[in-house]
C-alpha atoms as a PDB file:
ATOM      1  CA  MET A   1       0.000   0.000   0.000  1.00  0.00           C
ATOM      2  CA  LYS A   2       2.842   2.385   0.930  1.00  0.00           C
ATOM      3  CA  LYS A   3       4.569   1.650  -2.399  1.00  0.00           C
ATOM      4  CA  LEU A   4       1.313   2.382  -4.228  1.00  0.00           C
ATOM      5  CA  ILE A   5       0.977   5.779  -2.506  1.00  0.00           C
ATOM      6  CA  ILE A   6       4.582   6.663  -3.357  1.00  0.00           C
ATOM      7  CA  LEU A   7       4.054   5.611  -6.992  1.00  0.00           C
ATOM      8  CA  SER A   8       0.852   7.684  -7.227  1.00  0.00           C
ATOM      9  CA  SER A   9       2.659  10.717  -5.803  1.00  0.00           C
ATOM     10  CA  LEU A  10       5.448  10.301  -8.338  1.00  0.00           C
ATOM     11  CA  LEU A  11       2.948  10.070 -11.212  1.00  0.00           C
ATOM     12  CA  ILE A  12       1.146  13.219 -10.032  1.00  0.00           C
ATOM     13  CA  GLY A  13       4.471  15.005  -9.725  1.00  0.00           C
ATOM     14  CA  LEU A  14       5.482  13.975 -13.234  1.00  0.00           C
ATOM     15  CA  SER A  15       2.099  15.071 -14.582  1.00  0.00           C
ATOM     16  CA  LEU A  16       2.430  18.525 -12.990  1.00  0.00           C
ATOM     17  CA  SER A  17       6.004  18.814 -14.198  1.00  0.00           C
ATOM     18  CA  SER A  18       4.848  18.059 -17.740  1.00  0.00           C
ATOM     19  CA  LEU A  19       2.088  20.683 -17.452  1.00  0.00           C
ATOM     20  CA  TYR A  20       4.444  23.369 -16.173  1.00  0.00           C
ATOM     21  CA  SER A  21       7.018  22.709 -18.905  1.00  0.00           C
ATOM     22  CA  GLN A  22       4.555  22.650 -21.811  1.00  0.00           C
ATOM     23  CA  GLU A  23       4.838  25.656 -24.134  1.00  0.00           C
ATOM     24  CA  ILE A  24       1.635  27.719 -24.378  1.00  0.00           C
ATOM     25  CA  SER A  25       1.019  30.249 -27.156  1.00  0.00           C
ATOM     26  CA  PRO A  26      -0.897  33.460 -26.414  1.00  0.00           C
ATOM     27  CA  TYR A  27      -3.100  33.211 -29.505  1.00  0.00           C
ATOM     28  CA  ILE A  28      -4.703  30.588 -31.689  1.00  0.00           C
ATOM     29  CA  LEU A  29      -5.185  31.228 -35.399  1.00  0.00           C
ATOM     30  CA  VAL A  30      -8.400  29.435 -36.321  1.00  0.00           C
ATOM     31  CA  GLY A  31      -7.956  30.165 -40.022  1.00  0.00           C
ATOM     32  CA  GLU A  32      -9.253  32.360 -42.806  1.00  0.00           C
ATOM     33  CA  ASN A  33     -12.491  32.324 -44.732  1.00  0.00           C
ATOM     34  CA  SER A  34     -13.785  34.098 -47.808  1.00  0.00           C
ATOM     35  CA  GLU A  35     -16.530  35.955 -45.924  1.00  0.00           C
ATOM     36  CA  SER A  36     -16.670  39.657 -45.047  1.00  0.00           C
ATOM     37  CA  ILE A  37     -15.849  40.711 -41.516  1.00  0.00           C
ATOM     38  CA  GLU A  38     -19.567  41.322 -40.857  1.00  0.00           C
ATOM     39  CA  ASN A  39     -20.592  37.851 -42.027  1.00  0.00           C
ATOM     40  CA  THR A  40     -17.705  36.254 -40.129  1.00  0.00           C
ATOM     41  CA  GLU A  41     -18.785  38.055 -36.982  1.00  0.00           C
ATOM     42  CA  GLN A  42     -22.276  36.587 -37.336  1.00  0.00           C
ATOM     43  CA  LEU A  43     -20.853  33.078 -37.790  1.00  0.00           C
ATOM     44  CA  VAL A  44     -18.652  33.421 -34.710  1.00  0.00           C
ATOM     45  CA  VAL A  45     -21.406  34.860 -32.527  1.00  0.00           C
ATOM     46  CA  LYS A  46     -23.823  32.098 -33.539  1.00  0.00           C
ATOM     47  CA  LYS A  47     -21.247  29.372 -32.840  1.00  0.00           C
ATOM     48  CA  MET A  48     -20.323  30.773 -29.435  1.00  0.00           C
ATOM     49  CA  THR A  49     -23.859  31.411 -28.215  1.00  0.00           C
ATOM     50  CA  THR A  50     -25.000  27.977 -29.380  1.00  0.00           C
ATOM     51  CA  ALA A  51     -22.146  26.504 -27.307  1.00  0.00           C
ATOM     52  CA  GLY A  52     -23.369  28.316 -24.190  1.00  0.00           C
ATOM     53  CA  PHE A  53     -21.073  31.342 -24.186  1.00  0.00           C
ATOM     54  CA  GLU A  54     -22.402  34.875 -23.732  1.00  0.00           C
ATOM     55  CA  ILE A  55     -21.282  37.700 -26.014  1.00  0.00           C
ATOM     56  CA  ILE A  56     -20.826  40.806 -23.853  1.00  0.00           C
ATOM     57  CA  GLY A  57     -19.168  43.277 -26.202  1.00  0.00           C
ATOM     58  CA  GLN A  58     -17.823  44.036 -29.666  1.00  0.00           C
ATOM     59  CA  TYR A  59     -15.858  46.904 -31.173  1.00  0.00           C
ATOM     60  CA  HIS A  60     -13.437  48.009 -33.884  1.00  0.00           C
ATOM     61  CA  PRO A  61      -9.945  48.644 -32.418  1.00  0.00           C
ATOM     62  CA  GLU A  62      -8.395  51.869 -33.722  1.00  0.00           C
ATOM     63  CA  ASN A  63     -11.872  52.647 -35.155  1.00  0.00           C
ATOM     64  CA  ASN A  64     -10.595  50.503 -38.018  1.00  0.00           C
ATOM     65  CA  GLN A  65     -13.459  48.748 -39.805  1.00  0.00           C
ATOM     66  CA  THR A  66     -11.133  45.946 -40.934  1.00  0.00           C
ATOM     67  CA  LEU A  67     -10.499  44.953 -37.300  1.00  0.00           C
ATOM     68  CA  LYS A  68     -13.107  43.553 -34.913  1.00  0.00           C
ATOM     69  CA  VAL A  69     -12.953  42.170 -31.384  1.00  0.00           C
ATOM     70  CA  ILE A  70     -15.704  40.004 -29.908  1.00  0.00           C
ATOM     71  CA  VAL A  71     -15.734  39.607 -26.111  1.00  0.00           C
ATOM     72  CA  TYR A  72     -17.373  36.604 -24.471  1.00  0.00           C
ATOM     73  CA  THR A  73     -17.778  34.974 -21.097  1.00  0.00           C
ATOM     74  CA  ARG A  74     -19.551  32.080 -19.388  1.00  0.00           C
ATOM     75  CA  LYS A  75     -21.057  31.577 -15.945  1.00  0.00           C
ATOM     76  CA  ASP A  76     -18.594  28.874 -14.865  1.00  0.00           C
ATOM     77  CA  LEU A  77     -15.673  31.105 -15.841  1.00  0.00           C
ATOM     78  CA  GLN A  78     -17.114  33.996 -13.851  1.00  0.00           C
ATOM     79  CA  ASP A  79     -17.622  31.774 -10.804  1.00  0.00           C
ATOM     80  CA  ILE A  80     -14.012  30.586 -10.859  1.00  0.00           C
ATOM     81  CA  SER A  81     -12.627  34.071 -11.521  1.00  0.00           C
ATOM     82  CA  LEU A  82     -14.428  35.538  -8.521  1.00  0.00           C
ATOM     83  CA  LYS A  83     -12.778  32.980  -6.245  1.00  0.00           C
ATOM     84  CA  VAL A  84      -9.344  34.429  -7.085  1.00  0.00           C
ATOM     85  CA  GLU A  85      -9.189  37.555  -4.947  1.00  0.00           C
ATOM     86  CA  ASP A  86      -6.223  39.292  -6.596  1.00  0.00           C
ATOM     87  CA  ARG A  87      -7.933  40.690  -9.707  1.00  0.00           C
ATOM     88  CA  GLY A  88      -9.065  37.241 -10.857  1.00  0.00           C
ATOM     89  CA  ALA A  89     -12.172  38.740 -12.475  1.00  0.00           C
ATOM     90  CA  LEU A  90      -9.948  40.165 -15.219  1.00  0.00           C
ATOM     91  CA  ALA A  91      -9.882  36.654 -16.685  1.00  0.00           C
ATOM     92  CA  ALA A  92     -13.679  36.385 -16.787  1.00  0.00           C
ATOM     93  CA  ALA A  93     -13.819  38.061 -20.216  1.00  0.00           C
ATOM     94  CA  LEU A  94     -12.103  36.385 -23.184  1.00  0.00           C
ATOM     95  CA  LYS A  95     -11.626  37.735 -26.686  1.00  0.00           C
ATOM     96  CA  ILE A  96     -11.816  36.754 -30.349  1.00  0.00           C
ATOM     97  CA  GLY A  97     -10.134  38.811 -33.069  1.00  0.00           C
ATOM     98  CA  LEU A  98     -11.301  39.240 -36.673  1.00  0.00           C
ATOM     99  CA  LYS A  99      -9.010  40.823 -39.250  1.00  0.00           C
ATOM    100  CA  SER A 100     -10.078  41.447 -42.822  1.00  0.00           C
ATOM    101  CA  ASP A 101      -7.265  41.133 -45.351  1.00  0.00           C
ATOM    102  CA  GLY A 102      -8.770  41.815 -48.758  1.00  0.00           C
ATOM    103  CA  PRO A 103     -11.851  39.740 -49.592  1.00  0.00           C
ATOM    104  CA  GLY A 104     -11.525  37.318 -46.665  1.00  0.00           C
ATOM    105  CA  THR A 105     -11.330  37.450 -42.881  1.00  0.00           C
ATOM    106  CA  SER A 106      -8.956  35.731 -40.460  1.00  0.00           C
ATOM    107  CA  ILE A 107     -10.214  34.469 -37.099  1.00  0.00           C
ATOM    108  CA  SER A 108      -8.007  34.226 -34.028  1.00  0.00           C
ATOM    109  CA  TYR A 109      -8.546  34.175 -30.294  1.00  0.00           C
ATOM    110  CA  LEU A 110      -6.704  34.793 -27.074  1.00  0.00           C
ATOM    111  CA  ASN A 111      -5.700  31.384 -25.762  1.00  0.00           C
ATOM    112  CA  PRO A 112      -7.670  30.894 -22.496  1.00  0.00           C
ATOM    113  CA  GLU A 113      -4.991  28.604 -21.068  1.00  0.00           C
ATOM    114  CA  TYR A 114      -2.331  31.305 -21.554  1.00  0.00           C
ATOM    115  CA  LEU A 115      -4.404  33.933 -19.758  1.00  0.00           C
ATOM    116  CA  PHE A 116      -5.502  31.591 -16.972  1.00  0.00           C
ATOM    117  CA  GLN A 117      -1.930  30.620 -16.096  1.00  0.00           C
ATOM    118  CA  ALA A 118      -0.775  34.250 -16.097  1.00  0.00           C
ATOM    119  CA  TYR A 119      -3.683  35.780 -14.182  1.00  0.00           C
ATOM    120  CA  PHE A 120      -4.621  32.969 -11.779  1.00  0.00           C
ATOM    121  CA  MET A 121      -1.022  31.869 -11.139  1.00  0.00           C
ATOM    122  CA  ASP A 122      -0.898  29.178  -8.431  1.00  0.00           C
ATOM    123  CA  SER A 123      -4.668  29.450  -7.901  1.00  0.00           C
ATOM    124  CA  TYR A 124      -5.004  27.782 -11.307  1.00  0.00           C
ATOM    125  CA  ASP A 125      -4.249  24.409  -9.707  1.00  0.00           C
ATOM    126  CA  LYS A 126      -7.337  24.596  -7.446  1.00  0.00           C
ATOM    127  CA  HIS A 127      -9.608  25.077 -10.442  1.00  0.00           C
ATOM    128  CA  SER A 128      -7.674  23.280 -13.166  1.00  0.00           C
ATOM    129  CA  SER A 129     -10.434  20.868 -14.216  1.00  0.00           C
ATOM    130  CA  GLY A 130     -13.003  23.634 -14.682  1.00  0.00           C
ATOM    131  CA  LEU A 131     -10.542  25.907 -16.481  1.00  0.00           C
ATOM    132  CA  LYS A 132      -9.386  23.119 -18.804  1.00  0.00           C
ATOM    133  CA  LYS A 133     -13.024  22.421 -19.710  1.00  0.00           C
ATOM    134  CA  ILE A 134     -13.592  26.075 -20.605  1.00  0.00           C
ATOM    135  CA  ALA A 135     -10.454  26.173 -22.763  1.00  0.00           C
ATOM    136  CA  THR A 136     -11.414  22.895 -24.456  1.00  0.00           C
ATOM    137  CA  ASP A 137     -14.949  24.109 -25.134  1.00  0.00           C
ATOM    138  CA  VAL A 138     -13.642  27.314 -26.710  1.00  0.00           C
ATOM    139  CA  ALA A 139     -11.227  25.378 -28.933  1.00  0.00           C
ATOM    140  CA  SER A 140     -13.809  22.817 -30.053  1.00  0.00           C
ATOM    141  CA  THR A 141     -16.381  25.527 -30.783  1.00  0.00           C
ATOM    142  CA  LEU A 142     -14.128  27.783 -32.860  1.00  0.00           C
ATOM    143  CA  SER A 143     -12.069  25.073 -34.569  1.00  0.00           C
ATOM    144  CA  ALA A 144     -14.959  24.302 -36.923  1.00  0.00           C
ATOM    145  CA  LEU A 145     -14.597  27.773 -38.451  1.00  0.00           C
ATOM    146  CA  GLY A 146     -11.078  27.250 -39.819  1.00  0.00           C
ATOM    147  CA  ASP A 147      -8.468  24.743 -40.902  1.00  0.00           C
ATOM    148  CA  LYS A 148      -5.406  26.143 -39.114  1.00  0.00           C
ATOM    149  CA  ASN A 149      -6.041  26.038 -35.356  1.00  0.00           C
ATOM    150  CA  THR A 150      -2.410  26.673 -34.559  1.00  0.00           C
ATOM    151  CA  GLY A 151      -0.746  28.767 -31.887  1.00  0.00           C
ATOM    152  CA  PHE A 152       1.127  31.945 -32.710  1.00  0.00           C
ATOM    153  CA  GLY A 153       2.643  35.029 -31.101  1.00  0.00           C
ATOM    154  CA  GLY A 154       5.390  33.283 -29.134  1.00  0.00           C
ATOM    155  CA  SER A 155       5.093  30.854 -26.248  1.00  0.00           C
ATOM    156  CA  MET A 156       5.852  30.385 -22.562  1.00  0.00           C
ATOM    157  CA  THR A 157       5.524  27.593 -20.054  1.00  0.00           C
ATOM    158  CA  ALA A 158       2.939  27.680 -17.280  1.00  0.00           C
ATOM    159  CA  GLU A 159       5.728  28.278 -14.772  1.00  0.00           C
ATOM    160  CA  GLU A 160       7.015  31.247 -16.782  1.00  0.00           C
ATOM    161  CA  LEU A 161       3.529  32.712 -17.131  1.00  0.00           C
ATOM    162  CA  ARG A 162       2.847  32.529 -13.415  1.00  0.00           C
ATOM    163  CA  GLU A 163       6.010  34.491 -12.670  1.00  0.00           C
ATOM    164  CA  TYR A 164       5.983  36.669 -15.755  1.00  0.00           C
ATOM    165  CA  HIS A 165       7.654  40.044 -16.029  1.00  0.00           C
ATOM    166  CA  TYR A 166       9.247  41.448 -19.161  1.00  0.00           C
ATOM    167  CA  LYS A 167      12.673  42.313 -17.790  1.00  0.00           C
ATOM    168  CA  MET A 168      14.376  42.770 -14.445  1.00  0.00           C
ATOM    169  CA  MET A 169      12.783  45.607 -12.443  1.00  0.00           C
ATOM    170  CA  MET A 170       9.654  45.458 -14.633  1.00  0.00           C
ATOM    171  CA  PRO A 171       6.211  44.979 -12.982  1.00  0.00           C
ATOM    172  CA  TYR A 172       4.489  41.668 -12.326  1.00  0.00           C
ATOM    173  CA  PHE A 173       0.756  40.882 -12.363  1.00  0.00           C
ATOM    174  CA  THR A 174       0.819  41.645  -8.638  1.00  0.00           C
ATOM    175  CA  ASP A 175       2.085  45.212  -9.254  1.00  0.00           C
ATOM    176  CA  PRO A 176      -1.048  46.981 -10.548  1.00  0.00           C
ATOM    177  CA  VAL A 177      -1.451  50.698 -11.088  1.00  0.00           C
ATOM    178  CA  GLU A 178      -3.695  52.274  -8.447  1.00  0.00           C
ATOM    179  CA  LEU A 179      -6.095  54.627 -10.205  1.00  0.00           C
ATOM    180  CA  LYS A 180      -8.512  55.827  -7.514  1.00  0.00           C
ATOM    181  CA  GLU A 181      -9.842  55.058  -4.056  1.00  0.00           C
ATOM    182  CA  PHE A 182     -13.571  55.795  -3.940  1.00  0.00           C
ATOM    183  CA  SER A 183     -15.738  56.335  -0.882  1.00  0.00           C
ATOM    184  CA  SER A 184     -17.851  53.310  -1.859  1.00  0.00           C
ATOM    185  CA  PHE A 185     -18.175  50.622  -4.528  1.00  0.00           C
ATOM    186  CA  GLU A 186     -21.345  52.298  -5.770  1.00  0.00           C
ATOM    187  CA  GLN A 187     -19.596  55.650  -6.169  1.00  0.00           C
ATOM    188  CA  GLY A 188     -16.869  53.964  -8.174  1.00  0.00           C
ATOM    189  CA  ILE A 189     -19.406  52.389 -10.542  1.00  0.00           C
ATOM    190  CA  SER A 190     -21.265  55.681 -10.949  1.00  0.00           C
ATOM    191  CA  THR A 191     -18.124  57.733 -11.651  1.00  0.00           C
ATOM    192  CA  ILE A 192     -16.590  55.303 -14.121  1.00  0.00           C
ATOM    193  CA  GLU A 193     -19.868  54.783 -15.991  1.00  0.00           C
ATOM    194  CA  LYS A 194     -20.496  58.540 -16.225  1.00  0.00           C
ATOM    195  CA  ASN A 195     -17.061  59.245 -17.710  1.00  0.00           C
ATOM    196  CA  LEU A 196     -17.229  56.325 -20.127  1.00  0.00           C
ATOM    197  CA  LYS A 197     -20.653  57.443 -21.300  1.00  0.00           C
ATOM    198  CA  ALA A 198     -19.056  60.803 -22.136  1.00  0.00           C
ATOM    199  CA  ASN A 199     -16.234  58.989 -24.032  1.00  0.00           C
ATOM    200  CA  LYS A 200     -13.733  60.884 -21.915  1.00  0.00           C
ATOM    201  CA  ASN A 201     -10.227  61.042 -23.428  1.00  0.00           C
ATOM    202  CA  GLY A 202     -11.362  59.136 -26.508  1.00  0.00           C
ATOM    203  CA  THR A 203     -12.363  56.047 -24.518  1.00  0.00           C
ATOM    204  CA  LYS A 204     -15.210  53.685 -25.387  1.00  0.00           C
ATOM    205  CA  LEU A 205     -16.938  51.179 -23.139  1.00  0.00           C
ATOM    206  CA  VAL A 206     -16.788  47.808 -24.881  1.00  0.00           C
ATOM    207  CA  TYR A 207     -18.090  45.573 -22.089  1.00  0.00           C
ATOM    208  CA  THR A 208     -18.761  45.525 -18.390  1.00  0.00           C
ATOM    209  CA  LEU A 209     -19.029  42.702 -15.890  1.00  0.00           C
ATOM    210  CA  GLN A 210     -20.518  43.713 -12.561  1.00  0.00           C
ATOM    211  CA  PHE A 211     -20.844  41.527  -9.481  1.00  0.00           C
ATOM    212  CA  PRO A 212     -22.390  43.770  -6.793  1.00  0.00           C
ATOM    213  CA  GLU A 213     -22.603  40.960  -4.249  1.00  0.00           C
ATOM    214  CA  HIS A 214     -18.824  40.581  -4.490  1.00  0.00           C
ATOM    215  CA  LYS A 215     -18.122  44.325  -4.884  1.00  0.00           C
ATOM    216  CA  VAL A 216     -16.265  43.609  -8.123  1.00  0.00           C
ATOM    217  CA  ALA A 217     -16.648  45.162 -11.565  1.00  0.00           C
ATOM    218  CA  VAL A 218     -14.564  44.987 -14.740  1.00  0.00           C
ATOM    219  CA  PHE A 219     -14.755  47.551 -17.523  1.00  0.00           C
ATOM    220  CA  GLY A 220     -13.290  46.711 -20.940  1.00  0.00           C
ATOM    221  CA  ILE A 221     -12.322  49.988 -22.576  1.00  0.00           C
ATOM    222  CA  GLY A 222     -11.414  50.811 -26.152  1.00  0.00           C
ATOM    223  CA  LEU A 223      -8.657  53.425 -26.490  1.00  0.00           C
ATOM    224  CA  LEU A 224      -9.794  55.385 -29.519  1.00  0.00           C
ATOM    225  CA  ASP A 225      -7.901  58.644 -29.073  1.00  0.00           C
ATOM    226  CA  GLU A 226      -6.318  59.503 -32.433  1.00  0.00           C
ATOM    227  CA  GLU A 227      -2.893  60.366 -30.989  1.00  0.00           C
ATOM    228  CA  GLU A 228      -2.522  58.363 -27.773  1.00  0.00           C
ATOM    229  CA  GLY A 229      -4.768  55.366 -28.310  1.00  0.00           C
ATOM    230  CA  GLU A 230      -4.729  52.072 -30.198  1.00  0.00           C
ATOM    231  CA  LYS A 231      -4.122  53.810 -33.517  1.00  0.00           C
ATOM    232  CA  GLU A 232      -0.793  54.993 -32.116  1.00  0.00           C
ATOM    233  CA  PHE A 233       0.563  51.718 -30.694  1.00  0.00           C
ATOM    234  CA  LEU A 234      -1.281  48.757 -32.245  1.00  0.00           C
ATOM    235  CA  PRO A 235       0.182  49.018 -35.794  1.00  0.00           C
ATOM    236  CA  ILE A 236       3.669  49.162 -34.270  1.00  0.00           C
ATOM    237  CA  ILE A 237       3.430  46.107 -32.030  1.00  0.00           C
ATOM    238  CA  GLY A 238       1.124  44.011 -34.219  1.00  0.00           C
ATOM    239  CA  GLU A 239      -2.532  44.085 -35.192  1.00  0.00           C
ATOM    240  CA  SER A 240      -2.595  40.296 -35.470  1.00  0.00           C
ATOM    241  CA  HIS A 241      -2.701  40.293 -31.646  1.00  0.00           C
ATOM    242  CA  LEU A 242      -5.904  42.346 -31.552  1.00  0.00           C
ATOM    243  CA  ALA A 243      -7.579  39.728 -29.323  1.00  0.00           C
ATOM    244  CA  ALA A 244      -5.491  41.258 -26.516  1.00  0.00           C
ATOM    245  CA  LEU A 245      -7.924  44.164 -26.521  1.00  0.00           C
ATOM    246  CA  PRO A 246      -9.718  45.953 -25.007  1.00  0.00           C
ATOM    247  CA  TYR A 247      -7.725  47.070 -21.951  1.00  0.00           C
ATOM    248  CA  GLU A 248      -9.435  46.908 -18.540  1.00  0.00           C
ATOM    249  CA  ILE A 249     -10.138  48.772 -15.333  1.00  0.00           C
ATOM    250  CA  ILE A 250     -11.092  46.580 -12.389  1.00  0.00           C
ATOM    251  CA  LEU A 251     -12.955  47.918  -9.369  1.00  0.00           C
ATOM    252  CA  GLN A 252     -12.677  45.781  -6.245  1.00  0.00           C
ATOM    253  CA  GLY A 253     -14.409  47.200  -3.207  1.00  0.00           C
ATOM    254  CA  THR A 254     -13.537  50.879  -3.294  1.00  0.00           C
ATOM    255  CA  GLU A 255     -10.254  50.594  -5.224  1.00  0.00           C
ATOM    256  CA  ALA A 256      -9.935  50.957  -8.998  1.00  0.00           C
ATOM    257  CA  THR A 257      -6.773  49.548 -10.576  1.00  0.00           C
ATOM    258  CA  MET A 258      -5.365  48.495 -13.935  1.00  0.00           C
ATOM    259  CA  LEU A 259      -2.577  46.125 -14.871  1.00  0.00           C
ATOM    260  CA  HIS A 260       0.624  48.021 -15.571  1.00  0.00           C
ATOM    261  CA  GLY A 261       1.199  48.597 -19.283  1.00  0.00           C
ATOM    262  CA  ARG A 262       4.741  47.291 -19.022  1.00  0.00           C
ATOM    263  CA  TYR A 263       3.252  44.019 -17.772  1.00  0.00           C
ATOM    264  CA  ARG A 264       0.033  43.735 -19.746  1.00  0.00           C
ATOM    265  CA  LEU A 265       1.339  44.797 -23.143  1.00  0.00           C
ATOM    266  CA  ALA A 266       4.454  42.664 -22.797  1.00  0.00           C
ATOM    267  CA  LEU A 267       2.415  39.623 -21.712  1.00  0.00           C
ATOM    268  CA  HIS A 268       0.126  39.873 -24.732  1.00  0.00           C
ATOM    269  CA  TRP A 269       3.010  40.606 -27.123  1.00  0.00           C
ATOM    270  CA  PRO A 270       5.682  38.275 -25.666  1.00  0.00           C
ATOM    271  CA  GLU A 271       7.900  38.486 -28.753  1.00  0.00           C
ATOM    272  CA  LEU A 272       8.192  42.252 -28.376  1.00  0.00           C
ATOM    273  CA  THR A 273      11.828  43.296 -28.662  1.00  0.00           C
ATOM    274  CA  MET A 274      13.255  46.075 -26.533  1.00  0.00           C
ATOM    275  CA  GLY A 275      13.688  48.140 -29.687  1.00  0.00           C
ATOM    276  CA  THR A 276       9.987  47.835 -30.534  1.00  0.00           C
ATOM    277  CA  PHE A 277       8.988  48.331 -26.910  1.00  0.00           C
ATOM    278  CA  MET A 278      10.856  51.642 -26.910  1.00  0.00           C
ATOM    279  CA  LYS A 279       8.768  52.818 -29.875  1.00  0.00           C
ATOM    280  CA  ILE A 280       5.677  52.606 -27.654  1.00  0.00           C
ATOM    281  CA  ARG A 281       7.398  53.701 -24.449  1.00  0.00           C
ATOM    282  CA  ASN A 282       4.763  56.392 -23.868  1.00  0.00           C
ATOM    283  CA  THR A 283       1.816  53.990 -24.198  1.00  0.00           C
ATOM    284  CA  PRO A 284       1.744  52.669 -20.593  1.00  0.00           C
ATOM    285  CA  GLY A 285       1.643  56.249 -19.331  1.00  0.00           C
ATOM    286  CA  ASP A 286      -0.964  57.263 -21.911  1.00  0.00           C
ATOM    287  CA  VAL A 287      -3.260  54.413 -20.847  1.00  0.00           C
ATOM    288  CA  LYS A 288      -2.766  55.301 -17.190  1.00  0.00           C
ATOM    289  CA  ASP A 289      -3.625  58.957 -17.851  1.00  0.00           C
ATOM    290  CA  ALA A 290      -6.775  57.996 -19.788  1.00  0.00           C
ATOM    291  CA  PHE A 291      -7.923  55.604 -17.068  1.00  0.00           C
ATOM    292  CA  GLU A 292      -7.204  58.064 -14.250  1.00  0.00           C
ATOM    293  CA  ALA A 293      -9.421  60.585 -16.076  1.00  0.00           C
ATOM    294  CA  ILE A 294     -12.192  57.974 -16.246  1.00  0.00           C
ATOM    295  CA  CYS A 295     -11.965  57.560 -12.462  1.00  0.00           C
ATOM    296  CA  GLU A 296     -12.052  61.301 -11.661  1.00  0.00           C
END
């Protein structure tokens, strides 16, 4: 019996070791079709809703009609995300990117497994079966729309994702930018909604997830300012990664925060060289300024 327990422990250890060492790509290219971006959007939305996912937002990054992001969620994902206290709700919204190149449209999506490992970190292990099911359901649903279904945009292991920072002295997931401390959760909601409704600083509300009973809300925000928004940085670092967008503010209790640009942008563009990063060196500060204005 003792030998059996030892053997089982060894097998579990080997299984975890294999998981942690497996390379995970940030994006999956489903493939390309001959349909317009509008028709492709309808196909994607129908597939996802039929599979039990909820579409919570859509927009054109950069205000570019050849780019489209579709944001989706599901109840089981929300339930797991809310159990991770350190900004776990940021992972409750996942994204699909459509890019029209000529007559056809390419379909890609942010790899759920990549985001889960990075945002949930060690908490992933407590919810691994549920998270794997969500990722599998996404893959099986979207795979029917293309013939590629291959990862792109670089890769990292689960261990690397859980400890990710771009370079030494750069921020981690656990080093968010503090935007505003409100007097109450309700005041935070009211202020942020009011400023987003006014499209302050060229911002656009793409989606919101609100959980009043948990005092948690996430706002997905398009950065549509002509000079300091997506039009300024996205063509430089790569429009093929558009499923990284939109950027988020999270309100937990009375505190509104955002992930630091030098973490979030680098995580979603892991092949970014220092030379390219320097070309968008003002972007983290620009996003912070826009989001602070939304919280004023």
